[in-house]
PDB file of all heavy atoms in Angstrom:
ATOM      1  N   PHE A   1       0.840  -1.171  -0.023  1.00  0.00           N
ATOM      2  CA  PHE A   1      -0.029   0.015   0.018  1.00  0.00           C
ATOM      3  C   PHE A   1       0.906   1.237   0.014  1.00  0.00           C
ATOM      4  O   PHE A   1       1.805   1.344   0.792  1.00  0.00           O
ATOM      5  CB  PHE A   1      -0.900   0.037   1.188  1.00  0.00           C
ATOM      6  CG  PHE A   1      -1.758   1.299   1.273  1.00  0.00           C
ATOM      7  CD1 PHE A   1      -2.848   1.408   0.405  1.00  0.00           C
ATOM      8  CD2 PHE A   1      -1.441   2.365   2.087  1.00  0.00           C
ATOM      9  CE1 PHE A   1      -3.644   2.604   0.475  1.00  0.00           C
ATOM     10  CE2 PHE A   1      -2.201   3.487   2.069  1.00  0.00           C
ATOM     11  CZ  PHE A   1      -3.302   3.629   1.267  1.00  0.00           C
ATOM     12  N   MET A   2       0.582   2.213  -0.937  1.00  0.00           N
ATOM     13  CA  MET A   2       1.328   3.476  -1.048  1.00  0.00           C
ATOM     14  C   MET A   2       0.570   4.584  -0.432  1.00  0.00           C
ATOM     15  O   MET A   2      -0.425   4.969  -1.027  1.00  0.00           O
ATOM     16  CB  MET A   2       1.721   3.636  -2.557  1.00  0.00           C
ATOM     17  CG  MET A   2       2.463   2.568  -3.125  1.00  0.00           C
ATOM     18  SD  MET A   2       2.819   2.872  -4.952  1.00  0.00           S
ATOM     19  CE  MET A   2       1.138   2.595  -5.679  1.00  0.00           C
ATOM     20  N   PRO A   3       1.082   5.138   0.635  1.00  0.00           N
ATOM     21  CA  PRO A   3       0.350   6.420   1.164  1.00  0.00           C
ATOM     22  C   PRO A   3       0.501   7.480   0.110  1.00  0.00           C
ATOM     23  O   PRO A   3       1.474   7.610  -0.662  1.00  0.00           O
ATOM     24  CB  PRO A   3       1.224   6.730   2.393  1.00  0.00           C
ATOM     25  CG  PRO A   3       1.931   5.479   2.764  1.00  0.00           C
ATOM     26  CD  PRO A   3       2.150   4.713   1.475  1.00  0.00           C
ATOM     27  N   VAL A   4      -0.505   8.327   0.053  1.00  0.00           N
ATOM     28  CA  VAL A   4      -0.596   9.353  -0.981  1.00  0.00           C
ATOM     29  C   VAL A   4       0.035  10.650  -0.390  1.00  0.00           C
ATOM     30  O   VAL A   4      -0.475  11.226   0.578  1.00  0.00           O
ATOM     31  CB  VAL A   4      -2.012   9.647  -1.439  1.00  0.00           C
ATOM     32  CG1 VAL A   4      -2.072  10.824  -2.385  1.00  0.00           C
ATOM     33  CG2 VAL A   4      -2.585   8.387  -2.149  1.00  0.00           C
ATOM     34  N   GLY A   5       1.133  11.119  -0.968  1.00  0.00           N
ATOM     35  CA  GLY A   5       1.791  12.364  -0.650  1.00  0.00           C
ATOM     36  C   GLY A   5       1.607  13.314  -1.843  1.00  0.00           C
ATOM     37  O   GLY A   5       2.691  13.615  -2.425  1.00  0.00           O
ATOM     38  N   THR A   6       0.497  13.758  -2.153  1.00  0.00           N
ATOM     39  CA  THR A   6       0.155  14.480  -3.375  1.00  0.00           C
ATOM     40  C   THR A   6       1.146  15.588  -3.648  1.00  0.00           C
ATOM     41  O   THR A   6       1.704  15.687  -4.695  1.00  0.00           O
ATOM     42  CB  THR A   6      -1.260  15.056  -3.306  1.00  0.00           C
ATOM     43  OG1 THR A   6      -2.203  14.044  -3.075  1.00  0.00           O
ATOM     44  CG2 THR A   6      -1.659  15.862  -4.593  1.00  0.00           C
ATOM     45  N   GLN A   7       1.375  16.464  -2.689  1.00  0.00           N
ATOM     46  CA  GLN A   7       2.260  17.605  -2.845  1.00  0.00           C
ATOM     47  C   GLN A   7       3.614  17.418  -2.146  1.00  0.00           C
ATOM     48  O   GLN A   7       4.144  18.316  -1.465  1.00  0.00           O
ATOM     49  CB  GLN A   7       1.544  18.860  -2.342  1.00  0.00           C
ATOM     50  CG  GLN A   7       0.145  18.953  -3.013  1.00  0.00           C
ATOM     51  CD  GLN A   7      -0.328  20.410  -3.041  1.00  0.00           C
ATOM     52  OE1 GLN A   7       0.345  21.309  -3.540  1.00  0.00           O
ATOM     53  NE2 GLN A   7      -1.492  20.641  -2.388  1.00  0.00           N
ATOM     54  N   ALA A   8       4.202  16.215  -2.351  1.00  0.00           N
ATOM     55  CA  ALA A   8       5.497  15.898  -1.767  1.00  0.00           C
ATOM     56  C   ALA A   8       5.396  15.787  -0.199  1.00  0.00           C
ATOM     57  O   ALA A   8       6.470  16.008   0.427  1.00  0.00           O
ATOM     58  CB  ALA A   8       6.573  16.882  -2.218  1.00  0.00           C
ATOM     59  N   THR A   9       4.258  15.466   0.318  1.00  0.00           N
ATOM     60  CA  THR A   9       4.126  15.265   1.701  1.00  0.00           C
ATOM     61  C   THR A   9       2.869  14.396   1.977  1.00  0.00           C
ATOM     62  O   THR A   9       1.826  14.660   1.361  1.00  0.00           O
ATOM     63  CB  THR A   9       4.022  16.513   2.522  1.00  0.00           C
ATOM     64  OG1 THR A   9       3.767  16.262   3.923  1.00  0.00           O
ATOM     65  CG2 THR A   9       2.965  17.388   2.011  1.00  0.00           C
ATOM     66  N   VAL A  10       3.030  13.414   2.837  1.00  0.00           N
ATOM     67  CA  VAL A  10       1.782  12.673   3.304  1.00  0.00           C
ATOM     68  C   VAL A  10       1.273  13.520   4.467  1.00  0.00           C
ATOM     69  O   VAL A  10       1.896  13.618   5.474  1.00  0.00           O
ATOM     70  CB  VAL A  10       2.209  11.295   3.752  1.00  0.00           C
ATOM     71  CG1 VAL A  10       0.955  10.549   4.324  1.00  0.00           C
ATOM     72  CG2 VAL A  10       2.796  10.467   2.568  1.00  0.00           C
ATOM     73  N   LYS A  11       0.073  14.060   4.318  1.00  0.00           N
ATOM     74  CA  LYS A  11      -0.458  14.992   5.210  1.00  0.00           C
ATOM     75  C   LYS A  11      -0.389  14.442   6.704  1.00  0.00           C
ATOM     76  O   LYS A  11      -0.956  13.377   6.991  1.00  0.00           O
ATOM     77  CB  LYS A  11      -1.858  15.417   4.829  1.00  0.00           C
ATOM     78  CG  LYS A  11      -1.888  16.249   3.612  1.00  0.00           C
ATOM     79  CD  LYS A  11      -3.282  16.651   3.293  1.00  0.00           C
ATOM     80  CE  LYS A  11      -3.401  17.706   2.155  1.00  0.00           C
ATOM     81  NZ  LYS A  11      -2.805  17.121   0.866  1.00  0.00           N
ATOM     82  N   GLY A  12       0.184  15.228   7.587  1.00  0.00           N
ATOM     83  CA  GLY A  12       0.192  14.860   9.034  1.00  0.00           C
ATOM     84  C   GLY A  12       1.317  13.995   9.428  1.00  0.00           C
ATOM     85  O   GLY A  12       1.454  13.681  10.587  1.00  0.00           O
ATOM     86  N   MET A  13       2.165  13.506   8.462  1.00  0.00           N
ATOM     87  CA  MET A  13       3.302  12.612   8.766  1.00  0.00           C
ATOM     88  C   MET A  13       4.593  13.146   8.312  1.00  0.00           C
ATOM     89  O   MET A  13       4.749  13.597   7.192  1.00  0.00           O
ATOM     90  CB  MET A  13       2.985  11.288   8.034  1.00  0.00           C
ATOM     91  CG  MET A  13       1.861  10.443   8.623  1.00  0.00           C
ATOM     92  SD  MET A  13       2.201   9.702  10.233  1.00  0.00           S
ATOM     93  CE  MET A  13       1.335  10.830  11.278  1.00  0.00           C
ATOM     94  N   SER A  14       5.559  13.049   9.164  1.00  0.00           N
ATOM     95  CA  SER A  14       6.962  13.344   8.787  1.00  0.00           C
ATOM     96  C   SER A  14       7.574  12.144   8.167  1.00  0.00           C
ATOM     97  O   SER A  14       7.085  11.005   8.434  1.00  0.00           O
ATOM     98  CB  SER A  14       7.725  13.804  10.002  1.00  0.00           C
ATOM     99  OG  SER A  14       7.805  12.700  10.967  1.00  0.00           O
ATOM    100  N   PRO A  15       8.561  12.290   7.317  1.00  0.00           N
ATOM    101  CA  PRO A  15       9.239  11.114   6.639  1.00  0.00           C
ATOM    102  C   PRO A  15       9.683  10.043   7.665  1.00  0.00           C
ATOM    103  O   PRO A  15       9.551   8.809   7.402  1.00  0.00           O
ATOM    104  CB  PRO A  15      10.408  11.719   5.892  1.00  0.00           C
ATOM    105  CG  PRO A  15       9.887  13.070   5.532  1.00  0.00           C
ATOM    106  CD  PRO A  15       9.135  13.545   6.789  1.00  0.00           C
ATOM    107  N   ASP A  16      10.240  10.465   8.786  1.00  0.00           N
ATOM    108  CA  ASP A  16      10.725   9.506   9.795  1.00  0.00           C
ATOM    109  C   ASP A  16       9.589   8.684  10.403  1.00  0.00           C
ATOM    110  O   ASP A  16       9.756   7.526  10.631  1.00  0.00           O
ATOM    111  CB  ASP A  16      11.565  10.150  10.883  1.00  0.00           C
ATOM    112  CG  ASP A  16      10.846  11.227  11.671  1.00  0.00           C
ATOM    113  OD1 ASP A  16       9.956  11.835  11.098  1.00  0.00           O
ATOM    114  OD2 ASP A  16      11.193  11.452  12.829  1.00  0.00           O
ATOM    115  N   ARG A  17       8.465   9.357  10.615  1.00  0.00           N
ATOM    116  CA  ARG A  17       7.288   8.643  11.084  1.00  0.00           C
ATOM    117  C   ARG A  17       6.820   7.638  10.078  1.00  0.00           C
ATOM    118  O   ARG A  17       6.417   6.496  10.436  1.00  0.00           O
ATOM    119  CB  ARG A  17       6.133   9.655  11.414  1.00  0.00           C
ATOM    120  CG  ARG A  17       6.132  10.183  12.808  1.00  0.00           C
ATOM    121  CD  ARG A  17       5.832   9.126  13.829  1.00  0.00           C
ATOM    122  NE  ARG A  17       5.485   9.749  15.132  1.00  0.00           N
ATOM    123  CZ  ARG A  17       5.323   9.016  16.224  1.00  0.00           C
ATOM    124  NH1 ARG A  17       5.498   7.741  16.226  1.00  0.00           N
ATOM    125  NH2 ARG A  17       5.068   9.646  17.351  1.00  0.00           N
ATOM    126  N   LEU A  18       6.777   7.978   8.828  1.00  0.00           N
ATOM    127  CA  LEU A  18       6.375   7.063   7.768  1.00  0.00           C
ATOM    128  C   LEU A  18       7.336   5.862   7.761  1.00  0.00           C
ATOM    129  O   LEU A  18       6.778   4.691   7.624  1.00  0.00           O
ATOM    130  CB  LEU A  18       6.395   7.745   6.434  1.00  0.00           C
ATOM    131  CG  LEU A  18       5.196   8.650   6.081  1.00  0.00           C
ATOM    132  CD1 LEU A  18       5.450   9.404   4.737  1.00  0.00           C
ATOM    133  CD2 LEU A  18       3.930   7.898   5.995  1.00  0.00           C
ATOM    134  N   ARG A  19       8.554   6.030   7.808  1.00  0.00           N
ATOM    135  CA  ARG A  19       9.516   4.946   7.859  1.00  0.00           C
ATOM    136  C   ARG A  19       9.210   4.018   9.050  1.00  0.00           C
ATOM    137  O   ARG A  19       9.286   2.842   8.952  1.00  0.00           O
ATOM    138  CB  ARG A  19      10.960   5.430   7.811  1.00  0.00           C
ATOM    139  CG  ARG A  19      11.429   5.983   6.520  1.00  0.00           C
ATOM    140  CD  ARG A  19      12.913   6.277   6.544  1.00  0.00           C
ATOM    141  NE  ARG A  19      13.179   7.474   7.238  1.00  0.00           N
ATOM    142  CZ  ARG A  19      13.189   8.715   6.702  1.00  0.00           C
ATOM    143  NH1 ARG A  19      13.125   8.818   5.408  1.00  0.00           N
ATOM    144  NH2 ARG A  19      13.513   9.767   7.417  1.00  0.00           N
ATOM    145  N   GLU A  20       9.013   4.655  10.230  1.00  0.00           N
ATOM    146  CA  GLU A  20       8.779   3.839  11.404  1.00  0.00           C
ATOM    147  C   GLU A  20       7.503   2.993  11.264  1.00  0.00           C
ATOM    148  O   GLU A  20       7.401   1.854  11.811  1.00  0.00           O
ATOM    149  CB  GLU A  20       8.611   4.775  12.658  1.00  0.00           C
ATOM    150  CG  GLU A  20       9.899   5.388  13.046  1.00  0.00           C
ATOM    151  CD  GLU A  20       9.620   6.465  14.155  1.00  0.00           C
ATOM    152  OE1 GLU A  20       8.476   6.626  14.628  1.00  0.00           O
ATOM    153  OE2 GLU A  20      10.620   7.241  14.466  1.00  0.00           O
ATOM    154  N   LEU A  21       6.490   3.541  10.595  1.00  0.00           N
ATOM    155  CA  LEU A  21       5.205   2.827  10.407  1.00  0.00           C
ATOM    156  C   LEU A  21       5.355   1.701   9.398  1.00  0.00           C
ATOM    157  O   LEU A  21       4.565   0.725   9.474  1.00  0.00           O
ATOM    158  CB  LEU A  21       4.121   3.797   9.860  1.00  0.00           C
ATOM    159  CG  LEU A  21       3.534   4.765  10.880  1.00  0.00           C
ATOM    160  CD1 LEU A  21       2.664   5.753  10.131  1.00  0.00           C
ATOM    161  CD2 LEU A  21       2.718   3.989  11.934  1.00  0.00           C
ATOM    162  N   GLY A  22       6.371   1.768   8.565  1.00  0.00           N
ATOM    163  CA  GLY A  22       6.701   0.654   7.632  1.00  0.00           C
ATOM    164  C   GLY A  22       6.334   1.037   6.172  1.00  0.00           C
ATOM    165  O   GLY A  22       6.238   0.149   5.345  1.00  0.00           O
ATOM    166  N   ALA A  23       6.162   2.314   5.886  1.00  0.00           N
ATOM    167  CA  ALA A  23       5.925   2.696   4.495  1.00  0.00           C
ATOM    168  C   ALA A  23       7.129   2.325   3.614  1.00  0.00           C
ATOM    169  O   ALA A  23       8.321   2.732   3.931  1.00  0.00           O
ATOM    170  CB  ALA A  23       5.616   4.212   4.400  1.00  0.00           C
ATOM    171  N   GLU A  24       6.940   1.676   2.517  1.00  0.00           N
ATOM    172  CA  GLU A  24       8.001   1.269   1.627  1.00  0.00           C
ATOM    173  C   GLU A  24       8.157   2.162   0.431  1.00  0.00           C
ATOM    174  O   GLU A  24       9.186   2.237  -0.152  1.00  0.00           O
ATOM    175  CB  GLU A  24       7.839  -0.227   1.234  1.00  0.00           C
ATOM    176  CG  GLU A  24       7.881  -1.175   2.372  1.00  0.00           C
ATOM    177  CD  GLU A  24       7.665  -2.580   1.893  1.00  0.00           C
ATOM    178  OE1 GLU A  24       8.411  -3.029   1.041  1.00  0.00           O
ATOM    179  OE2 GLU A  24       6.734  -3.273   2.410  1.00  0.00           O
ATOM    180  N   ILE A  25       6.972   2.722   0.008  1.00  0.00           N
ATOM    181  CA  ILE A  25       6.979   3.591  -1.183  1.00  0.00           C
ATOM    182  C   ILE A  25       5.822   4.511  -1.000  1.00  0.00           C
ATOM    183  O   ILE A  25       4.796   4.176  -0.357  1.00  0.00           O
ATOM    184  CB  ILE A  25       6.797   2.717  -2.402  1.00  0.00           C
ATOM    185  CG1 ILE A  25       6.624   3.537  -3.679  1.00  0.00           C
ATOM    186  CG2 ILE A  25       5.649   1.750  -2.281  1.00  0.00           C
ATOM    187  CD1 ILE A  25       6.635   2.701  -4.957  1.00  0.00           C
ATOM    188  N   VAL A  26       5.986   5.777  -1.438  1.00  0.00           N
ATOM    189  CA  VAL A  26       4.910   6.770  -1.413  1.00  0.00           C
ATOM    190  C   VAL A  26       4.618   7.270  -2.815  1.00  0.00           C
ATOM    191  O   VAL A  26       5.397   7.074  -3.733  1.00  0.00           O
ATOM    192  CB  VAL A  26       5.263   7.926  -0.470  1.00  0.00           C
ATOM    193  CG1 VAL A  26       5.467   7.447   0.947  1.00  0.00           C
ATOM    194  CG2 VAL A  26       6.439   8.702  -0.995  1.00  0.00           C
ATOM    195  N   LEU A  27       3.391   7.853  -2.928  1.00  0.00           N
ATOM    196  CA  LEU A  27       2.964   8.397  -4.190  1.00  0.00           C
ATOM    197  C   LEU A  27       2.905   9.900  -4.124  1.00  0.00           C
ATOM    198  O   LEU A  27       2.377  10.475  -3.131  1.00  0.00           O
ATOM    199  CB  LEU A  27       1.508   7.845  -4.523  1.00  0.00           C
ATOM    200  CG  LEU A  27       0.918   8.256  -5.871  1.00  0.00           C
ATOM    201  CD1 LEU A  27       0.022   7.159  -6.435  1.00  0.00           C
ATOM    202  CD2 LEU A  27       0.014   9.522  -5.646  1.00  0.00           C
ATOM    203  N   SER A  28       3.386  10.557  -5.181  1.00  0.00           N
ATOM    204  CA  SER A  28       3.233  12.042  -5.316  1.00  0.00           C
ATOM    205  C   SER A  28       2.589  12.354  -6.695  1.00  0.00           C
ATOM    206  O   SER A  28       2.495  11.407  -7.505  1.00  0.00           O
ATOM    207  CB  SER A  28       4.551  12.785  -5.117  1.00  0.00           C
ATOM    208  OG  SER A  28       4.904  12.756  -3.811  1.00  0.00           O
ATOM    209  N   ASN A  29       2.164  13.563  -6.929  1.00  0.00           N
ATOM    210  CA  ASN A  29       1.424  13.838  -8.117  1.00  0.00           C
ATOM    211  C   ASN A  29       2.049  14.822  -9.024  1.00  0.00           C
ATOM    212  O   ASN A  29       2.417  16.005  -8.556  1.00  0.00           O
ATOM    213  CB  ASN A  29       0.027  14.275  -7.717  1.00  0.00           C
ATOM    214  CG  ASN A  29      -0.897  14.483  -8.901  1.00  0.00           C
ATOM    215  OD1 ASN A  29      -1.086  15.571  -9.400  1.00  0.00           O
ATOM    216  ND2 ASN A  29      -1.418  13.374  -9.470  1.00  0.00           N
ATOM    217  N   THR A  30       2.127  14.552 -10.300  1.00  0.00           N
ATOM    218  CA  THR A  30       2.759  15.350 -11.313  1.00  0.00           C
ATOM    219  C   THR A  30       2.010  16.671 -11.446  1.00  0.00           C
ATOM    220  O   THR A  30       2.654  17.751 -11.554  1.00  0.00           O
ATOM    221  CB  THR A  30       2.758  14.633 -12.630  1.00  0.00           C
ATOM    222  OG1 THR A  30       3.621  13.533 -12.444  1.00  0.00           O
ATOM    223  CG2 THR A  30       3.309  15.512 -13.754  1.00  0.00           C
ATOM    224  N   TYR A  31       0.722  16.669 -11.531  1.00  0.00           N
ATOM    225  CA  TYR A  31      -0.121  17.864 -11.821  1.00  0.00           C
ATOM    226  C   TYR A  31       0.203  18.927 -10.690  1.00  0.00           C
ATOM    227  O   TYR A  31       0.481  20.069 -11.005  1.00  0.00           O
ATOM    228  CB  TYR A  31      -1.585  17.516 -11.795  1.00  0.00           C
ATOM    229  CG  TYR A  31      -2.518  18.720 -11.727  1.00  0.00           C
ATOM    230  CD1 TYR A  31      -2.866  19.388 -12.899  1.00  0.00           C
ATOM    231  CD2 TYR A  31      -3.027  19.095 -10.545  1.00  0.00           C
ATOM    232  CE1 TYR A  31      -3.710  20.451 -12.805  1.00  0.00           C
ATOM    233  CE2 TYR A  31      -3.909  20.155 -10.400  1.00  0.00           C
ATOM    234  CZ  TYR A  31      -4.233  20.862 -11.571  1.00  0.00           C
ATOM    235  OH  TYR A  31      -5.082  21.928 -11.477  1.00  0.00           O
ATOM    236  N   HIS A  32       0.108  18.489  -9.463  1.00  0.00           N
ATOM    237  CA  HIS A  32       0.303  19.479  -8.349  1.00  0.00           C
ATOM    238  C   HIS A  32       1.717  19.975  -8.282  1.00  0.00           C
ATOM    239  O   HIS A  32       1.944  21.115  -8.020  1.00  0.00           O
ATOM    240  CB  HIS A  32      -0.148  18.777  -7.047  1.00  0.00           C
ATOM    241  CG  HIS A  32      -1.619  18.583  -6.859  1.00  0.00           C
ATOM    242  ND1 HIS A  32      -2.515  19.615  -6.592  1.00  0.00           N
ATOM    243  CD2 HIS A  32      -2.379  17.506  -7.084  1.00  0.00           C
ATOM    244  CE1 HIS A  32      -3.709  19.108  -6.566  1.00  0.00           C
ATOM    245  NE2 HIS A  32      -3.695  17.874  -6.899  1.00  0.00           N
ATOM    246  N   LEU A  33       2.669  19.107  -8.417  1.00  0.00           N
ATOM    247  CA  LEU A  33       4.116  19.504  -8.361  1.00  0.00           C
ATOM    248  C   LEU A  33       4.527  20.352  -9.538  1.00  0.00           C
ATOM    249  O   LEU A  33       5.476  21.226  -9.344  1.00  0.00           O
ATOM    250  CB  LEU A  33       4.970  18.310  -8.089  1.00  0.00           C
ATOM    251  CG  LEU A  33       4.724  17.534  -6.793  1.00  0.00           C
ATOM    252  CD1 LEU A  33       5.647  16.289  -6.708  1.00  0.00           C
ATOM    253  CD2 LEU A  33       4.937  18.438  -5.592  1.00  0.00           C
TER     254      LEU A  33
END
C-alpha cells in the first residue's frame, strides 16, 4: 500500500514517522508539483 503524498508530503506525517510505520513507497502527483 502506497500512502498518498500528493504535494510531496503525506499530510500529518513526517518522513521519519512514515519509515517507522513501515511505508516502503509513497505516491506524489505530477499535476500538483
